[in-house]
Amino acid sequence: LCCELQLVDRRVIDIIRKITNELSGINIRTDEDADRAMKVLRKY
């Protein structure tokens, strides 16, 4: 969605950058890790 929307609104690039920066510290191996990662997604 961000890739598609960046053509219309460049601000989505900031959203995906923020998401990836926050997710970079999470290694998703367990359901608990996945829950933490989903909380990051739900911020944006």
PDB file of all heavy atoms in Angstrom:
ATOM      1  N   LEU A   1       0.831  -1.199   0.000  1.00  0.00           N
ATOM      2  CA  LEU A   1       0.000   0.000   0.000  1.00  0.00           C
ATOM      3  C   LEU A   1       0.869   1.254   0.000  1.00  0.00           C
ATOM      4  O   LEU A   1       0.601   2.202  -0.742  1.00  0.00           O
ATOM      5  CB  LEU A   1      -0.943  -0.002   1.203  1.00  0.00           C
ATOM      6  CG  LEU A   1      -1.878   1.194   1.339  1.00  0.00           C
ATOM      7  CD1 LEU A   1      -2.823   1.281   0.141  1.00  0.00           C
ATOM      8  CD2 LEU A   1      -2.670   1.099   2.634  1.00  0.00           C
ATOM      9  N   CYS A   2       1.912   1.253   0.809  1.00  0.00           N
ATOM     10  CA  CYS A   2       2.816   2.405   0.842  1.00  0.00           C
ATOM     11  C   CYS A   2       3.490   2.617  -0.514  1.00  0.00           C
ATOM     12  O   CYS A   2       3.645   3.757  -0.953  1.00  0.00           O
ATOM     13  CB  CYS A   2       3.869   2.224   1.926  1.00  0.00           C
ATOM     14  SG  CYS A   2       3.226   2.473   3.585  1.00  0.00           S
ATOM     15  N   CYS A   3       3.881   1.535  -1.165  1.00  0.00           N
ATOM     16  CA  CYS A   3       4.498   1.662  -2.490  1.00  0.00           C
ATOM     17  C   CYS A   3       3.529   2.305  -3.482  1.00  0.00           C
ATOM     18  O   CYS A   3       3.926   3.157  -4.276  1.00  0.00           O
ATOM     19  CB  CYS A   3       4.935   0.296  -3.006  1.00  0.00           C
ATOM     20  SG  CYS A   3       6.386  -0.339  -2.186  1.00  0.00           S
ATOM     21  N   GLU A   4       2.281   1.898  -3.426  1.00  0.00           N
ATOM     22  CA  GLU A   4       1.281   2.468  -4.335  1.00  0.00           C
ATOM     23  C   GLU A   4       0.972   3.923  -3.990  1.00  0.00           C
ATOM     24  O   GLU A   4       0.851   4.760  -4.877  1.00  0.00           O
ATOM     25  CB  GLU A   4      -0.002   1.644  -4.289  1.00  0.00           C
ATOM     26  CG  GLU A   4       0.131   0.279  -4.921  1.00  0.00           C
ATOM     27  CD  GLU A   4      -1.142  -0.539  -4.823  1.00  0.00           C
ATOM     28  OE1 GLU A   4      -2.234   0.057  -4.728  1.00  0.00           O
ATOM     29  OE2 GLU A   4      -1.037  -1.774  -4.842  1.00  0.00           O
ATOM     30  N   LEU A   5       0.856   4.229  -2.709  1.00  0.00           N
ATOM     31  CA  LEU A   5       0.464   5.568  -2.287  1.00  0.00           C
ATOM     32  C   LEU A   5       1.579   6.596  -2.405  1.00  0.00           C
ATOM     33  O   LEU A   5       1.304   7.789  -2.472  1.00  0.00           O
ATOM     34  CB  LEU A   5      -0.044   5.543  -0.845  1.00  0.00           C
ATOM     35  CG  LEU A   5      -1.396   4.893  -0.625  1.00  0.00           C
ATOM     36  CD1 LEU A   5      -1.732   4.880   0.865  1.00  0.00           C
ATOM     37  CD2 LEU A   5      -2.484   5.601  -1.406  1.00  0.00           C
ATOM     38  N   GLN A   6       2.822   6.155  -2.447  1.00  0.00           N
ATOM     39  CA  GLN A   6       3.916   7.123  -2.515  1.00  0.00           C
ATOM     40  C   GLN A   6       3.858   7.961  -3.783  1.00  0.00           C
ATOM     41  O   GLN A   6       4.361   9.081  -3.814  1.00  0.00           O
ATOM     42  CB  GLN A   6       5.264   6.442  -2.381  1.00  0.00           C
ATOM     43  CG  GLN A   6       5.701   5.673  -3.593  1.00  0.00           C
ATOM     44  CD  GLN A   6       7.069   5.052  -3.408  1.00  0.00           C
ATOM     45  OE1 GLN A   6       7.783   5.392  -2.479  1.00  0.00           O
ATOM     46  NE2 GLN A   6       7.420   4.146  -4.281  1.00  0.00           N
ATOM     47  N   LEU A   7       3.208   7.442  -4.814  1.00  0.00           N
ATOM     48  CA  LEU A   7       3.055   8.206  -6.046  1.00  0.00           C
ATOM     49  C   LEU A   7       2.076   9.358  -5.863  1.00  0.00           C
ATOM     50  O   LEU A   7       2.169  10.377  -6.543  1.00  0.00           O
ATOM     51  CB  LEU A   7       2.599   7.297  -7.184  1.00  0.00           C
ATOM     52  CG  LEU A   7       3.545   6.142  -7.522  1.00  0.00           C
ATOM     53  CD1 LEU A   7       2.900   5.220  -8.544  1.00  0.00           C
ATOM     54  CD2 LEU A   7       4.888   6.652  -7.995  1.00  0.00           C
ATOM     55  N   VAL A   8       1.139   9.184  -4.934  1.00  0.00           N
ATOM     56  CA  VAL A   8       0.118  10.203  -4.674  1.00  0.00           C
ATOM     57  C   VAL A   8       0.534  11.118  -3.523  1.00  0.00           C
ATOM     58  O   VAL A   8       0.343  12.326  -3.579  1.00  0.00           O
ATOM     59  CB  VAL A   8      -1.240   9.524  -4.345  1.00  0.00           C
ATOM     60  CG1 VAL A   8      -2.296  10.553  -4.005  1.00  0.00           C
ATOM     61  CG2 VAL A   8      -1.684   8.646  -5.492  1.00  0.00           C
ATOM     62  N   ASP A   9       1.101  10.529  -2.479  1.00  0.00           N
ATOM     63  CA  ASP A   9       1.449  11.284  -1.279  1.00  0.00           C
ATOM     64  C   ASP A   9       2.789  10.776  -0.747  1.00  0.00           C
ATOM     65  O   ASP A   9       2.873   9.684  -0.188  1.00  0.00           O
ATOM     66  CB  ASP A   9       0.354  11.113  -0.221  1.00  0.00           C
ATOM     67  CG  ASP A   9       0.517  12.041   0.951  1.00  0.00           C
ATOM     68  OD1 ASP A   9       1.637  12.533   1.178  1.00  0.00           O
ATOM     69  OD2 ASP A   9      -0.478  12.273   1.656  1.00  0.00           O
ATOM     70  N   ARG A  10       3.817  11.570  -0.907  1.00  0.00           N
ATOM     71  CA  ARG A  10       5.175  11.162  -0.526  1.00  0.00           C
ATOM     72  C   ARG A  10       5.334  10.961   0.983  1.00  0.00           C
ATOM     73  O   ARG A  10       6.318  10.393   1.425  1.00  0.00           O
ATOM     74  CB  ARG A  10       6.193  12.197  -1.013  1.00  0.00           C
ATOM     75  CG  ARG A  10       6.127  12.506  -2.482  1.00  0.00           C
ATOM     76  CD  ARG A  10       6.865  11.614  -3.383  1.00  0.00           C
ATOM     77  NE  ARG A  10       8.258  11.412  -3.068  1.00  0.00           N
ATOM     78  CZ  ARG A  10       8.930  10.394  -3.551  1.00  0.00           C
ATOM     79  NH1 ARG A  10       8.348   9.531  -4.341  1.00  0.00           N
ATOM     80  NH2 ARG A  10      10.198  10.234  -3.244  1.00  0.00           N
ATOM     81  N   ARG A  11       4.376  11.419   1.776  1.00  0.00           N
ATOM     82  CA  ARG A  11       4.491  11.275   3.230  1.00  0.00           C
ATOM     83  C   ARG A  11       4.413   9.817   3.681  1.00  0.00           C
ATOM     84  O   ARG A  11       4.853   9.494   4.779  1.00  0.00           O
ATOM     85  CB  ARG A  11       3.422  12.097   3.939  1.00  0.00           C
ATOM     86  CG  ARG A  11       3.669  13.594   3.810  1.00  0.00           C
ATOM     87  CD  ARG A  11       2.581  14.389   4.434  1.00  0.00           C
ATOM     88  NE  ARG A  11       1.371  14.233   3.633  1.00  0.00           N
ATOM     89  CZ  ARG A  11       0.186  14.698   3.975  1.00  0.00           C
ATOM     90  NH1 ARG A  11       0.039  15.352   5.105  1.00  0.00           N
ATOM     91  NH2 ARG A  11      -0.854  14.542   3.198  1.00  0.00           N
ATOM     92  N   VAL A  12       3.876   8.933   2.847  1.00  0.00           N
ATOM     93  CA  VAL A  12       3.824   7.523   3.247  1.00  0.00           C
ATOM     94  C   VAL A  12       5.216   6.924   3.362  1.00  0.00           C
ATOM     95  O   VAL A  12       5.420   5.955   4.081  1.00  0.00           O
ATOM     96  CB  VAL A  12       2.952   6.652   2.308  1.00  0.00           C
ATOM     97  CG1 VAL A  12       1.516   7.089   2.338  1.00  0.00           C
ATOM     98  CG2 VAL A  12       3.496   6.623   0.912  1.00  0.00           C
ATOM     99  N   ILE A  13       6.182   7.518   2.696  1.00  0.00           N
ATOM    100  CA  ILE A  13       7.559   7.045   2.819  1.00  0.00           C
ATOM    101  C   ILE A  13       8.016   7.190   4.267  1.00  0.00           C
ATOM    102  O   ILE A  13       8.696   6.315   4.809  1.00  0.00           O
ATOM    103  CB  ILE A  13       8.486   7.803   1.847  1.00  0.00           C
ATOM    104  CG1 ILE A  13       8.105   7.474   0.405  1.00  0.00           C
ATOM    105  CG2 ILE A  13       9.950   7.469   2.118  1.00  0.00           C
ATOM    106  CD1 ILE A  13       8.795   8.319  -0.637  1.00  0.00           C
ATOM    107  N   ASP A  14       7.625   8.283   4.917  1.00  0.00           N
ATOM    108  CA  ASP A  14       7.965   8.477   6.328  1.00  0.00           C
ATOM    109  C   ASP A  14       7.330   7.400   7.199  1.00  0.00           C
ATOM    110  O   ASP A  14       7.944   6.924   8.153  1.00  0.00           O
ATOM    111  CB  ASP A  14       7.517   9.858   6.814  1.00  0.00           C
ATOM    112  CG  ASP A  14       8.317  10.981   6.187  1.00  0.00           C
ATOM    113  OD1 ASP A  14       9.479  10.741   5.802  1.00  0.00           O
ATOM    114  OD2 ASP A  14       7.779  12.090   6.082  1.00  0.00           O
ATOM    115  N   ILE A  15       6.109   7.019   6.871  1.00  0.00           N
ATOM    116  CA  ILE A  15       5.422   5.986   7.654  1.00  0.00           C
ATOM    117  C   ILE A  15       6.161   4.665   7.550  1.00  0.00           C
ATOM    118  O   ILE A  15       6.439   4.015   8.559  1.00  0.00           O
ATOM    119  CB  ILE A  15       3.946   5.844   7.207  1.00  0.00           C
ATOM    120  CG1 ILE A  15       3.161   7.095   7.597  1.00  0.00           C
ATOM    121  CG2 ILE A  15       3.314   4.596   7.826  1.00  0.00           C
ATOM    122  CD1 ILE A  15       1.744   7.123   7.074  1.00  0.00           C
ATOM    123  N   ILE A  16       6.505   4.243   6.339  1.00  0.00           N
ATOM    124  CA  ILE A  16       7.168   2.953   6.189  1.00  0.00           C
ATOM    125  C   ILE A  16       8.572   3.001   6.798  1.00  0.00           C
ATOM    126  O   ILE A  16       9.046   2.015   7.356  1.00  0.00           O
ATOM    127  CB  ILE A  16       7.175   2.465   4.718  1.00  0.00           C
ATOM    128  CG1 ILE A  16       7.440   0.963   4.638  1.00  0.00           C
ATOM    129  CG2 ILE A  16       8.148   3.217   3.877  1.00  0.00           C
ATOM    130  CD1 ILE A  16       6.395   0.090   5.226  1.00  0.00           C
ATOM    131  N   ARG A  17       9.234   4.139   6.741  1.00  0.00           N
ATOM    132  CA  ARG A  17      10.554   4.277   7.400  1.00  0.00           C
ATOM    133  C   ARG A  17      10.424   4.101   8.903  1.00  0.00           C
ATOM    134  O   ARG A  17      11.230   3.422   9.541  1.00  0.00           O
ATOM    135  CB  ARG A  17      11.158   5.635   7.099  1.00  0.00           C
ATOM    136  CG  ARG A  17      11.843   5.709   5.783  1.00  0.00           C
ATOM    137  CD  ARG A  17      12.598   7.016   5.644  1.00  0.00           C
ATOM    138  NE  ARG A  17      13.061   7.156   4.279  1.00  0.00           N
ATOM    139  CZ  ARG A  17      13.105   8.290   3.609  1.00  0.00           C
ATOM    140  NH1 ARG A  17      12.704   9.405   4.182  1.00  0.00           N
ATOM    141  NH2 ARG A  17      13.537   8.329   2.376  1.00  0.00           N
ATOM    142  N   LYS A  18       9.427   4.741   9.493  1.00  0.00           N
ATOM    143  CA  LYS A  18       9.218   4.631  10.934  1.00  0.00           C
ATOM    144  C   LYS A  18       8.917   3.191  11.322  1.00  0.00           C
ATOM    145  O   LYS A  18       9.446   2.682  12.317  1.00  0.00           O
ATOM    146  CB  LYS A  18       8.077   5.546  11.379  1.00  0.00           C
ATOM    147  CG  LYS A  18       8.436   7.010  11.326  1.00  0.00           C
ATOM    148  CD  LYS A  18       7.250   7.875  11.682  1.00  0.00           C
ATOM    149  CE  LYS A  18       7.569   9.355  11.529  1.00  0.00           C
ATOM    150  NZ  LYS A  18       6.398  10.193  11.801  1.00  0.00           N
ATOM    151  N   ILE A  19       8.061   2.542  10.542  1.00  0.00           N
ATOM    152  CA  ILE A  19       7.708   1.146  10.832  1.00  0.00           C
ATOM    153  C   ILE A  19       8.950   0.267  10.765  1.00  0.00           C
ATOM    154  O   ILE A  19       9.223  -0.513  11.680  1.00  0.00           O
ATOM    155  CB  ILE A  19       6.616   0.639   9.864  1.00  0.00           C
ATOM    156  CG1 ILE A  19       5.287   1.331  10.145  1.00  0.00           C
ATOM    157  CG2 ILE A  19       6.456  -0.874   9.990  1.00  0.00           C
ATOM    158  CD1 ILE A  19       4.214   1.067   9.096  1.00  0.00           C
ATOM    159  N   THR A  20       9.711   0.375   9.687  1.00  0.00           N
ATOM    160  CA  THR A  20      10.883  -0.493   9.535  1.00  0.00           C
ATOM    161  C   THR A  20      11.948  -0.193  10.588  1.00  0.00           C
ATOM    162  O   THR A  20      12.611  -1.117  11.068  1.00  0.00           O
ATOM    163  CB  THR A  20      11.482  -0.402   8.117  1.00  0.00           C
ATOM    164  OG1 THR A  20      11.742   0.954   7.787  1.00  0.00           O
ATOM    165  CG2 THR A  20      10.531  -0.997   7.094  1.00  0.00           C
ATOM    166  N   ASN A  21      12.104   1.070  10.967  1.00  0.00           N
ATOM    167  CA  ASN A  21      13.068   1.397  12.029  1.00  0.00           C
ATOM    168  C   ASN A  21      12.672   0.747  13.347  1.00  0.00           C
ATOM    169  O   ASN A  21      13.514   0.202  14.056  1.00  0.00           O
ATOM    170  CB  ASN A  21      13.186   2.905  12.215  1.00  0.00           C
ATOM    171  CG  ASN A  21      14.026   3.555  11.148  1.00  0.00           C
ATOM    172  OD1 ASN A  21      14.808   2.902  10.473  1.00  0.00           O
ATOM    173  ND2 ASN A  21      13.855   4.851  10.977  1.00  0.00           N
ATOM    174  N   GLU A  22      11.389   0.801  13.678  1.00  0.00           N
ATOM    175  CA  GLU A  22      10.928   0.210  14.936  1.00  0.00           C
ATOM    176  C   GLU A  22      10.966  -1.310  14.899  1.00  0.00           C
ATOM    177  O   GLU A  22      11.204  -1.961  15.912  1.00  0.00           O
ATOM    178  CB  GLU A  22       9.526   0.701  15.279  1.00  0.00           C
ATOM    179  CG  GLU A  22       9.501   2.153  15.689  1.00  0.00           C
ATOM    180  CD  GLU A  22       8.154   2.595  16.218  1.00  0.00           C
ATOM    181  OE1 GLU A  22       7.559   1.848  17.026  1.00  0.00           O
ATOM    182  OE2 GLU A  22       7.710   3.684  15.818  1.00  0.00           O
ATOM    183  N   LEU A  23      10.738  -1.882  13.723  1.00  0.00           N
ATOM    184  CA  LEU A  23      10.738  -3.341  13.611  1.00  0.00           C
ATOM    185  C   LEU A  23      12.145  -3.929  13.536  1.00  0.00           C
ATOM    186  O   LEU A  23      12.325  -5.124  13.765  1.00  0.00           O
ATOM    187  CB  LEU A  23       9.955  -3.777  12.370  1.00  0.00           C
ATOM    188  CG  LEU A  23       8.445  -3.581  12.422  1.00  0.00           C
ATOM    189  CD1 LEU A  23       7.821  -3.972  11.091  1.00  0.00           C
ATOM    190  CD2 LEU A  23       7.830  -4.386  13.555  1.00  0.00           C
ATOM    191  N   SER A  24      13.125  -3.096  13.244  1.00  0.00           N
ATOM    192  CA  SER A  24      14.479  -3.620  13.061  1.00  0.00           C
ATOM    193  C   SER A  24      15.033  -4.302  14.314  1.00  0.00           C
ATOM    194  O   SER A  24      15.873  -5.181  14.221  1.00  0.00           O
ATOM    195  CB  SER A  24      15.423  -2.511  12.599  1.00  0.00           C
ATOM    196  OG  SER A  24      15.585  -1.548  13.617  1.00  0.00           O
ATOM    197  N   GLY A  25      14.534  -3.934  15.467  1.00  0.00           N
ATOM    198  CA  GLY A  25      15.001  -4.538  16.714  1.00  0.00           C
ATOM    199  C   GLY A  25      14.215  -5.771  17.136  1.00  0.00           C
ATOM    200  O   GLY A  25      14.515  -6.368  18.158  1.00  0.00           O
ATOM    201  N   ILE A  26      13.225  -6.155  16.356  1.00  0.00           N
ATOM    202  CA  ILE A  26      12.384  -7.299  16.719  1.00  0.00           C
ATOM    203  C   ILE A  26      12.702  -8.471  15.790  1.00  0.00           C
ATOM    204  O   ILE A  26      12.569  -8.359  14.579  1.00  0.00           O
ATOM    205  CB  ILE A  26      10.884  -6.953  16.623  1.00  0.00           C
ATOM    206  CG1 ILE A  26      10.547  -5.785  17.548  1.00  0.00           C
ATOM    207  CG2 ILE A  26      10.029  -8.171  16.967  1.00  0.00           C
ATOM    208  CD1 ILE A  26       9.116  -5.285  17.402  1.00  0.00           C
ATOM    209  N   ASN A  27      13.124  -9.573  16.381  1.00  0.00           N
ATOM    210  CA  ASN A  27      13.374 -10.787  15.627  1.00  0.00           C
ATOM    211  C   ASN A  27      12.156 -11.683  15.821  1.00  0.00           C
ATOM    212  O   ASN A  27      11.931 -12.194  16.917  1.00  0.00           O
ATOM    213  CB  ASN A  27      14.645 -11.471  16.146  1.00  0.00           C
ATOM    214  CG  ASN A  27      15.197 -12.459  15.171  1.00  0.00           C
ATOM    215  OD1 ASN A  27      14.575 -12.763  14.157  1.00  0.00           O
ATOM    216  ND2 ASN A  27      16.373 -12.962  15.468  1.00  0.00           N
ATOM    217  N   ILE A  28      11.367 -11.870  14.792  1.00  0.00           N
ATOM    218  CA  ILE A  28      10.064 -12.530  14.937  1.00  0.00           C
ATOM    219  C   ILE A  28      10.216 -14.045  14.851  1.00  0.00           C
ATOM    220  O   ILE A  28      10.211 -14.629  13.775  1.00  0.00           O
ATOM    221  CB  ILE A  28       9.073 -11.997  13.888  1.00  0.00           C
ATOM    222  CG1 ILE A  28       8.959 -10.488  14.065  1.00  0.00           C
ATOM    223  CG2 ILE A  28       7.710 -12.668  14.030  1.00  0.00           C
ATOM    224  CD1 ILE A  28       8.236  -9.788  12.973  1.00  0.00           C
ATOM    225  N   ARG A  29      10.336 -14.635  16.032  1.00  0.00           N
ATOM    226  CA  ARG A  29      10.477 -16.096  16.129  1.00  0.00           C
ATOM    227  C   ARG A  29       9.324 -16.735  16.880  1.00  0.00           C
ATOM    228  O   ARG A  29       9.071 -17.923  16.729  1.00  0.00           O
ATOM    229  CB  ARG A  29      11.781 -16.443  16.833  1.00  0.00           C
ATOM    230  CG  ARG A  29      12.993 -16.044  16.036  1.00  0.00           C
ATOM    231  CD  ARG A  29      14.255 -16.495  16.707  1.00  0.00           C
ATOM    232  NE  ARG A  29      15.397 -16.129  15.878  1.00  0.00           N
ATOM    233  CZ  ARG A  29      16.626 -16.141  16.283  1.00  0.00           C
ATOM    234  NH1 ARG A  29      16.911 -16.517  17.508  1.00  0.00           N
ATOM    235  NH2 ARG A  29      17.596 -15.785  15.481  1.00  0.00           N
ATOM    236  N   THR A  30       8.656 -15.952  17.716  1.00  0.00           N
ATOM    237  CA  THR A  30       7.569 -16.496  18.530  1.00  0.00           C
ATOM    238  C   THR A  30       6.301 -15.670  18.312  1.00  0.00           C
ATOM    239  O   THR A  30       6.345 -14.591  17.726  1.00  0.00           O
ATOM    240  CB  THR A  30       7.925 -16.444  20.031  1.00  0.00           C
ATOM    241  OG1 THR A  30       8.034 -15.072  20.427  1.00  0.00           O
ATOM    242  CG2 THR A  30       9.229 -17.180  20.319  1.00  0.00           C
ATOM    243  N   ASP A  31       5.198 -16.184  18.815  1.00  0.00           N
ATOM    244  CA  ASP A  31       3.939 -15.440  18.740  1.00  0.00           C
ATOM    245  C   ASP A  31       4.033 -14.131  19.520  1.00  0.00           C
ATOM    246  O   ASP A  31       3.447 -13.127  19.122  1.00  0.00           O
ATOM    247  CB  ASP A  31       2.774 -16.279  19.270  1.00  0.00           C
ATOM    248  CG  ASP A  31       2.325 -17.342  18.273  1.00  0.00           C
ATOM    249  OD1 ASP A  31       2.754 -17.290  17.098  1.00  0.00           O
ATOM    250  OD2 ASP A  31       1.541 -18.224  18.667  1.00  0.00           O
ATOM    251  N   GLU A  32       4.776 -14.124  20.623  1.00  0.00           N
ATOM    252  CA  GLU A  32       4.943 -12.910  21.408  1.00  0.00           C
ATOM    253  C   GLU A  32       5.689 -11.844  20.601  1.00  0.00           C
ATOM    254  O   GLU A  32       5.350 -10.665  20.645  1.00  0.00           O
ATOM    255  CB  GLU A  32       5.690 -13.197  22.718  1.00  0.00           C
ATOM    256  CG  GLU A  32       4.887 -14.006  23.711  1.00  0.00           C
ATOM    257  CD  GLU A  32       4.898 -15.505  23.411  1.00  0.00           C
ATOM    258  OE1 GLU A  32       5.827 -16.006  22.722  1.00  0.00           O
ATOM    259  OE2 GLU A  32       3.960 -16.183  23.840  1.00  0.00           O
ATOM    260  N   ASP A  33       6.712 -12.283  19.863  1.00  0.00           N
ATOM    261  CA  ASP A  33       7.434 -11.350  18.984  1.00  0.00           C
ATOM    262  C   ASP A  33       6.503 -10.784  17.922  1.00  0.00           C
ATOM    263  O   ASP A  33       6.534  -9.589  17.618  1.00  0.00           O
ATOM    264  CB  ASP A  33       8.608 -12.047  18.289  1.00  0.00           C
ATOM    265  CG  ASP A  33       9.673 -12.540  19.248  1.00  0.00           C
ATOM    266  OD1 ASP A  33       9.796 -11.972  20.349  1.00  0.00           O
ATOM    267  OD2 ASP A  33      10.383 -13.495  18.876  1.00  0.00           O
ATOM    268  N   ALA A  34       5.668 -11.644  17.370  1.00  0.00           N
ATOM    269  CA  ALA A  34       4.718 -11.213  16.341  1.00  0.00           C
ATOM    270  C   ALA A  34       3.704 -10.230  16.918  1.00  0.00           C
ATOM    271  O   ALA A  34       3.335  -9.255  16.255  1.00  0.00           O
ATOM    272  CB  ALA A  34       4.006 -12.421  15.736  1.00  0.00           C
ATOM    273  N   ASP A  35       3.279 -10.457  18.158  1.00  0.00           N
ATOM    274  CA  ASP A  35       2.358  -9.511  18.813  1.00  0.00           C
ATOM    275  C   ASP A  35       3.020  -8.149  18.992  1.00  0.00           C
ATOM    276  O   ASP A  35       2.396  -7.112  18.760  1.00  0.00           O
ATOM    277  CB  ASP A  35       1.894 -10.051  20.168  1.00  0.00           C
ATOM    278  CG  ASP A  35       0.873 -11.169  20.036  1.00  0.00           C
ATOM    279  OD1 ASP A  35       0.218 -11.268  18.977  1.00  0.00           O
ATOM    280  OD2 ASP A  35       0.743 -11.949  21.002  1.00  0.00           O
ATOM    281  N   ARG A  36       4.287  -8.147  19.403  1.00  0.00           N
ATOM    282  CA  ARG A  36       5.017  -6.882  19.543  1.00  0.00           C
ATOM    283  C   ARG A  36       5.138  -6.175  18.200  1.00  0.00           C
ATOM    284  O   ARG A  36       4.975  -4.959  18.104  1.00  0.00           O
ATOM    285  CB  ARG A  36       6.413  -7.137  20.128  1.00  0.00           C
ATOM    286  CG  ARG A  36       6.381  -7.447  21.589  1.00  0.00           C
ATOM    287  CD  ARG A  36       7.739  -7.568  22.266  1.00  0.00           C
ATOM    288  NE  ARG A  36       8.851  -6.950  21.600  1.00  0.00           N
ATOM    289  CZ  ARG A  36      10.007  -7.578  21.334  1.00  0.00           C
ATOM    290  NH1 ARG A  36      10.181  -8.826  21.668  1.00  0.00           N
ATOM    291  NH2 ARG A  36      11.000  -6.930  20.742  1.00  0.00           N
ATOM    292  N   ALA A  37       5.400  -6.931  17.147  1.00  0.00           N
ATOM    293  CA  ALA A  37       5.526  -6.352  15.802  1.00  0.00           C
ATOM    294  C   ALA A  37       4.191  -5.789  15.320  1.00  0.00           C
ATOM    295  O   ALA A  37       4.144  -4.727  14.697  1.00  0.00           O
ATOM    296  CB  ALA A  37       6.055  -7.397  14.825  1.00  0.00           C
ATOM    297  N   MET A  38       3.099  -6.490  15.621  1.00  0.00           N
ATOM    298  CA  MET A  38       1.779  -5.990  15.228  1.00  0.00           C
ATOM    299  C   MET A  38       1.453  -4.696  15.973  1.00  0.00           C
ATOM    300  O   MET A  38       0.800  -3.812  15.420  1.00  0.00           O
ATOM    301  CB  MET A  38       0.688  -7.033  15.483  1.00  0.00           C
ATOM    302  CG  MET A  38       0.624  -8.135  14.447  1.00  0.00           C
ATOM    303  SD  MET A  38       0.321  -7.559  12.759  1.00  0.00           S
ATOM    304  CE  MET A  38      -1.355  -6.955  12.883  1.00  0.00           C
ATOM    305  N   LYS A  39       1.913  -4.555  17.215  1.00  0.00           N
ATOM    306  CA  LYS A  39       1.701  -3.309  17.951  1.00  0.00           C
ATOM    307  C   LYS A  39       2.395  -2.148  17.249  1.00  0.00           C
ATOM    308  O   LYS A  39       1.868  -1.038  17.215  1.00  0.00           O
ATOM    309  CB  LYS A  39       2.197  -3.446  19.386  1.00  0.00           C
ATOM    310  CG  LYS A  39       1.282  -4.265  20.261  1.00  0.00           C
ATOM    311  CD  LYS A  39       1.811  -4.387  21.668  1.00  0.00           C
ATOM    312  CE  LYS A  39       0.923  -5.330  22.469  1.00  0.00           C
ATOM    313  NZ  LYS A  39       1.462  -5.589  23.800  1.00  0.00           N
ATOM    314  N   VAL A  40       3.563  -2.410  16.693  1.00  0.00           N
ATOM    315  CA  VAL A  40       4.267  -1.377  15.927  1.00  0.00           C
ATOM    316  C   VAL A  40       3.430  -0.998  14.704  1.00  0.00           C
ATOM    317  O   VAL A  40       3.215   0.186  14.432  1.00  0.00           O
ATOM    318  CB  VAL A  40       5.672  -1.858  15.487  1.00  0.00           C
ATOM    319  CG1 VAL A  40       6.298  -0.884  14.492  1.00  0.00           C
ATOM    320  CG2 VAL A  40       6.572  -2.049  16.697  1.00  0.00           C
ATOM    321  N   LEU A  41       2.943  -1.993  13.978  1.00  0.00           N
ATOM    322  CA  LEU A  41       2.106  -1.699  12.807  1.00  0.00           C
ATOM    323  C   LEU A  41       0.890  -0.885  13.194  1.00  0.00           C
ATOM    324  O   LEU A  41       0.508   0.055  12.496  1.00  0.00           O
ATOM    325  CB  LEU A  41       1.646  -2.988  12.116  1.00  0.00           C
ATOM    326  CG  LEU A  41       2.620  -3.690  11.202  1.00  0.00           C
ATOM    327  CD1 LEU A  41       1.926  -4.884  10.535  1.00  0.00           C
ATOM    328  CD2 LEU A  41       3.179  -2.767  10.150  1.00  0.00           C
ATOM    329  N   ARG A  42       0.279  -1.240  14.319  1.00  0.00           N
ATOM    330  CA  ARG A  42      -0.951  -0.554  14.744  1.00  0.00           C
ATOM    331  C   ARG A  42      -0.719   0.897  15.148  1.00  0.00           C
ATOM    332  O   ARG A  42      -1.670   1.672  15.237  1.00  0.00           O
ATOM    333  CB  ARG A  42      -1.618  -1.334  15.864  1.00  0.00           C
ATOM    334  CG  ARG A  42      -2.297  -2.581  15.349  1.00  0.00           C
ATOM    335  CD  ARG A  42      -3.152  -3.244  16.415  1.00  0.00           C
ATOM    336  NE  ARG A  42      -3.940  -4.303  15.830  1.00  0.00           N
ATOM    337  CZ  ARG A  42      -3.638  -5.591  15.905  1.00  0.00           C
ATOM    338  NH1 ARG A  42      -2.555  -5.985  16.551  1.00  0.00           N
ATOM    339  NH2 ARG A  42      -4.421  -6.486  15.346  1.00  0.00           N
ATOM    340  N   LYS A  43       0.524   1.279  15.387  1.00  0.00           N
ATOM    341  CA  LYS A  43       0.817   2.688  15.652  1.00  0.00           C
ATOM    342  C   LYS A  43       0.565   3.530  14.403  1.00  0.00           C
ATOM    343  O   LYS A  43       0.232   4.706  14.500  1.00  0.00           O
ATOM    344  CB  LYS A  43       2.288   2.865  16.039  1.00  0.00           C
ATOM    345  CG  LYS A  43       2.639   2.481  17.423  1.00  0.00           C
ATOM    346  CD  LYS A  43       4.121   2.801  17.591  1.00  0.00           C
ATOM    347  CE  LYS A  43       4.653   2.620  18.947  1.00  0.00           C
ATOM    348  NZ  LYS A  43       6.091   2.922  19.007  1.00  0.00           N
ATOM    349  N   TYR A  44       0.770   2.933  13.242  1.00  0.00           N
ATOM    350  CA  TYR A  44       0.724   3.674  11.994  1.00  0.00           C
ATOM    351  C   TYR A  44      -0.398   3.234  11.061  1.00  0.00           C
ATOM    352  O   TYR A  44      -0.680   3.902  10.072  1.00  0.00           O
ATOM    353  CB  TYR A  44       2.064   3.518  11.264  1.00  0.00           C
ATOM    354  CG  TYR A  44       3.208   3.955  12.109  1.00  0.00           C
ATOM    355  CD1 TYR A  44       3.996   3.033  12.795  1.00  0.00           C
ATOM    356  CD2 TYR A  44       3.493   5.306  12.272  1.00  0.00           C
ATOM    357  CE1 TYR A  44       5.034   3.436  13.601  1.00  0.00           C
ATOM    358  CE2 TYR A  44       4.551   5.728  13.087  1.00  0.00           C
ATOM    359  CZ  TYR A  44       5.300   4.778  13.746  1.00  0.00           C
ATOM    360  OH  TYR A  44       6.335   5.189  14.566  1.00  0.00           O
TER     361      TYR A  44
END
